[in-house]
Amino acid sequence: MPNFYFQKRIKELREHKNLSMQQLAISMGVTKSRVNMWENNGTVPRMDILIKLANHFGVTTDYLLGNDAGSELSSDNKRLRFLQRNLGKLNEKELAQAEGMLRAVFTDIFNSEDDEDDDI
């Protein structure tokens, strides 16, 4: 049975990283046709490959499979989950830039928490 969440999310994640199907296939140790099956048929890979994909994209296997509770959350929480999920896709340099921007915009919030988060 196809998993439509997996089908949609794996393609979105691959495209977000500007990877071709071939590039993703090579990094996962599978064929391009296997990646095609994931994206077009919703075929879910073996557990070891699923974990490898989750690690590669910085998401959870639950997210890939659609087992996250995102659809049951309020719209505000959906926004936070969206932001968190996408921040998780950034490399260290991009994450530092995003943090700097958020700190600049929300100085009153970040300044009140600075003492607690010094060890981050």
C-alpha atoms as a PDB file:
ATOM      1  CA  MET A   1       0.000   0.000   0.000  1.00  0.00           C
ATOM      2  CA  PRO A   2       1.466   3.389  -0.964  1.00  0.00           C
ATOM      3  CA  ASN A   3       2.321   5.944   1.691  1.00  0.00           C
ATOM      4  CA  PHE A   4       1.320   9.318   0.287  1.00  0.00           C
ATOM      5  CA  TYR A   5       3.009  11.262   3.106  1.00  0.00           C
ATOM      6  CA  PHE A   6       6.317   9.554   2.378  1.00  0.00           C
ATOM      7  CA  GLN A   7       5.875  10.076  -1.359  1.00  0.00           C
ATOM      8  CA  LYS A   8       5.300  13.821  -0.968  1.00  0.00           C
ATOM      9  CA  ARG A   9       7.810  14.494   1.786  1.00  0.00           C
ATOM     10  CA  ILE A  10      10.763  12.645   0.297  1.00  0.00           C
ATOM     11  CA  LYS A  11      10.359  14.541  -2.965  1.00  0.00           C
ATOM     12  CA  GLU A  12      10.023  17.901  -1.185  1.00  0.00           C
ATOM     13  CA  LEU A  13      13.118  17.234   0.914  1.00  0.00           C
ATOM     14  CA  ARG A  14      15.158  16.102  -2.091  1.00  0.00           C
ATOM     15  CA  GLU A  15      14.152  19.137  -4.145  1.00  0.00           C
ATOM     16  CA  HIS A  16      14.793  21.490  -1.216  1.00  0.00           C
ATOM     17  CA  LYS A  17      18.402  20.259  -1.117  1.00  0.00           C
ATOM     18  CA  ASN A  18      18.620  20.589  -4.915  1.00  0.00           C
ATOM     19  CA  LEU A  19      19.445  16.911  -5.287  1.00  0.00           C
ATOM     20  CA  SER A  20      18.649  14.882  -8.363  1.00  0.00           C
ATOM     21  CA  MET A  21      17.120  11.459  -7.952  1.00  0.00           C
ATOM     22  CA  GLN A  22      20.460  10.018  -9.034  1.00  0.00           C
ATOM     23  CA  GLN A  23      22.384  11.977  -6.404  1.00  0.00           C
ATOM     24  CA  LEU A  24      20.016  10.864  -3.648  1.00  0.00           C
ATOM     25  CA  ALA A  25      20.201   7.282  -4.887  1.00  0.00           C
ATOM     26  CA  ILE A  26      23.996   7.301  -4.741  1.00  0.00           C
ATOM     27  CA  SER A  27      24.066   8.758  -1.228  1.00  0.00           C
ATOM     28  CA  MET A  28      21.558   6.131  -0.042  1.00  0.00           C
ATOM     29  CA  GLY A  29      23.218   3.236  -1.840  1.00  0.00           C
ATOM     30  CA  VAL A  30      20.171   2.455  -3.971  1.00  0.00           C
ATOM     31  CA  THR A  31      19.238   2.793  -7.626  1.00  0.00           C
ATOM     32  CA  LYS A  32      17.621   5.845  -9.212  1.00  0.00           C
ATOM     33  CA  SER A  33      14.599   3.687 -10.030  1.00  0.00           C
ATOM     34  CA  ARG A  34      14.190   2.972  -6.302  1.00  0.00           C
ATOM     35  CA  VAL A  35      14.070   6.717  -5.544  1.00  0.00           C
ATOM     36  CA  ASN A  36      11.574   7.076  -8.392  1.00  0.00           C
ATOM     37  CA  MET A  37       9.391   4.411  -6.753  1.00  0.00           C
ATOM     38  CA  TRP A  38       9.508   6.298  -3.455  1.00  0.00           C
ATOM     39  CA  GLU A  39       8.443   9.574  -5.045  1.00  0.00           C
ATOM     40  CA  ASN A  40       5.926   8.346  -7.602  1.00  0.00           C
ATOM     41  CA  ASN A  41       4.447   5.223  -6.019  1.00  0.00           C
ATOM     42  CA  GLY A  42       4.832   5.975  -2.313  1.00  0.00           C
ATOM     43  CA  THR A  43       6.866   2.805  -1.852  1.00  0.00           C
ATOM     44  CA  VAL A  44       8.470   2.877   1.596  1.00  0.00           C
ATOM     45  CA  PRO A  45      12.064   1.606   1.806  1.00  0.00           C
ATOM     46  CA  ARG A  46      13.461  -0.898   4.308  1.00  0.00           C
ATOM     47  CA  MET A  47      13.954   0.407   7.824  1.00  0.00           C
ATOM     48  CA  ASP A  48      17.739   0.871   7.488  1.00  0.00           C
ATOM     49  CA  ILE A  49      17.280   3.046   4.384  1.00  0.00           C
ATOM     50  CA  LEU A  50      14.399   4.934   6.000  1.00  0.00           C
ATOM     51  CA  ILE A  51      16.626   5.795   8.963  1.00  0.00           C
ATOM     52  CA  LYS A  52      19.424   6.799   6.607  1.00  0.00           C
ATOM     53  CA  LEU A  53      17.022   9.103   4.735  1.00  0.00           C
ATOM     54  CA  ALA A  54      15.784  10.689   7.964  1.00  0.00           C
ATOM     55  CA  ASN A  55      19.352  11.342   9.099  1.00  0.00           C
ATOM     56  CA  HIS A  56      20.336  12.669   5.686  1.00  0.00           C
ATOM     57  CA  PHE A  57      17.512  15.225   5.673  1.00  0.00           C
ATOM     58  CA  GLY A  58      17.530  16.009   9.402  1.00  0.00           C
ATOM     59  CA  VAL A  59      13.975  14.832  10.016  1.00  0.00           C
ATOM     60  CA  THR A  60      12.412  11.945  11.900  1.00  0.00           C
ATOM     61  CA  THR A  61      11.204   8.704  10.394  1.00  0.00           C
ATOM     62  CA  ASP A  62       7.794   9.583  11.816  1.00  0.00           C
ATOM     63  CA  TYR A  63       7.819  12.779   9.775  1.00  0.00           C
ATOM     64  CA  LEU A  64       8.771  10.883   6.603  1.00  0.00           C
ATOM     65  CA  LEU A  65       5.988   8.362   7.137  1.00  0.00           C
ATOM     66  CA  GLY A  66       3.342  10.885   8.148  1.00  0.00           C
ATOM     67  CA  ASN A  67       3.144   9.604  11.712  1.00  0.00           C
ATOM     68  CA  ASP A  68       3.762  13.032  13.184  1.00  0.00           C
ATOM     69  CA  ALA A  69       0.919  14.700  14.998  1.00  0.00           C
ATOM     70  CA  GLY A  70       1.153  17.830  12.821  1.00  0.00           C
ATOM     71  CA  SER A  71      -2.266  17.385  11.282  1.00  0.00           C
ATOM     72  CA  GLU A  72      -3.894  17.304  14.728  1.00  0.00           C
ATOM     73  CA  LEU A  73      -2.277  20.464  16.065  1.00  0.00           C
ATOM     74  CA  SER A  74      -3.707  23.954  16.153  1.00  0.00           C
ATOM     75  CA  SER A  75      -2.691  26.274  13.345  1.00  0.00           C
ATOM     76  CA  ASP A  76      -0.223  28.094  15.624  1.00  0.00           C
ATOM     77  CA  ASN A  77       1.518  24.834  16.474  1.00  0.00           C
ATOM     78  CA  LYS A  78       1.555  23.879  12.801  1.00  0.00           C
ATOM     79  CA  ARG A  79       3.460  27.072  12.126  1.00  0.00           C
ATOM     80  CA  LEU A  80       5.986  26.263  14.826  1.00  0.00           C
ATOM     81  CA  ARG A  81       6.402  22.720  13.545  1.00  0.00           C
ATOM     82  CA  PHE A  82       6.867  24.034  10.001  1.00  0.00           C
ATOM     83  CA  LEU A  83       9.549  26.447  11.182  1.00  0.00           C
ATOM     84  CA  GLN A  84      11.281  23.823  13.282  1.00  0.00           C
ATOM     85  CA  ARG A  85      11.242  21.269  10.486  1.00  0.00           C
ATOM     86  CA  ASN A  86      12.710  23.732   8.003  1.00  0.00           C
ATOM     87  CA  LEU A  87      15.307  25.095  10.420  1.00  0.00           C
ATOM     88  CA  GLY A  88      16.395  21.488  10.875  1.00  0.00           C
ATOM     89  CA  LYS A  89      17.293  21.361   7.176  1.00  0.00           C
ATOM     90  CA  LEU A  90      19.830  24.186   7.459  1.00  0.00           C
ATOM     91  CA  ASN A  91      23.571  23.661   7.705  1.00  0.00           C
ATOM     92  CA  GLU A  92      25.453  25.218  10.644  1.00  0.00           C
ATOM     93  CA  LYS A  93      26.232  28.472   8.826  1.00  0.00           C
ATOM     94  CA  GLU A  94      22.626  28.940   7.665  1.00  0.00           C
ATOM     95  CA  LEU A  95      21.318  28.075  11.129  1.00  0.00           C
ATOM     96  CA  ALA A  96      23.602  30.677  12.712  1.00  0.00           C
ATOM     97  CA  GLN A  97      22.326  33.273  10.215  1.00  0.00           C
ATOM     98  CA  ALA A  98      18.700  32.365  10.978  1.00  0.00           C
ATOM     99  CA  GLU A  99      19.367  32.577  14.710  1.00  0.00           C
ATOM    100  CA  GLY A 100      20.960  36.012  14.270  1.00  0.00           C
ATOM    101  CA  MET A 101      17.955  37.242  12.316  1.00  0.00           C
ATOM    102  CA  LEU A 102      15.501  35.942  14.907  1.00  0.00           C
ATOM    103  CA  ARG A 103      17.514  37.480  17.737  1.00  0.00           C
ATOM    104  CA  ALA A 104      17.553  40.838  15.909  1.00  0.00           C
ATOM    105  CA  VAL A 105      13.804  40.833  15.364  1.00  0.00           C
ATOM    106  CA  PHE A 106      12.818  39.446  18.765  1.00  0.00           C
ATOM    107  CA  THR A 107      15.446  41.022  21.020  1.00  0.00           C
ATOM    108  CA  ASP A 108      13.080  41.363  23.980  1.00  0.00           C
ATOM    109  CA  ILE A 109      12.274  37.632  23.935  1.00  0.00           C
ATOM    110  CA  PHE A 110      15.821  36.418  23.348  1.00  0.00           C
ATOM    111  CA  ASN A 111      17.363  38.797  25.883  1.00  0.00           C
ATOM    112  CA  SER A 112      15.122  37.471  28.649  1.00  0.00           C
ATOM    113  CA  GLU A 113      16.222  33.900  27.884  1.00  0.00           C
ATOM    114  CA  ASP A 114      19.933  34.555  27.242  1.00  0.00           C
ATOM    115  CA  ASP A 115      20.999  33.639  30.768  1.00  0.00           C
ATOM    116  CA  GLU A 116      19.248  30.278  30.526  1.00  0.00           C
ATOM    117  CA  ASP A 117      20.628  29.410  27.066  1.00  0.00           C
ATOM    118  CA  ASP A 118      24.286  30.373  27.421  1.00  0.00           C
ATOM    119  CA  ASP A 119      25.384  26.761  27.155  1.00  0.00           C
ATOM    120  CA  ILE A 120      23.742  26.163  23.734  1.00  0.00           C
END
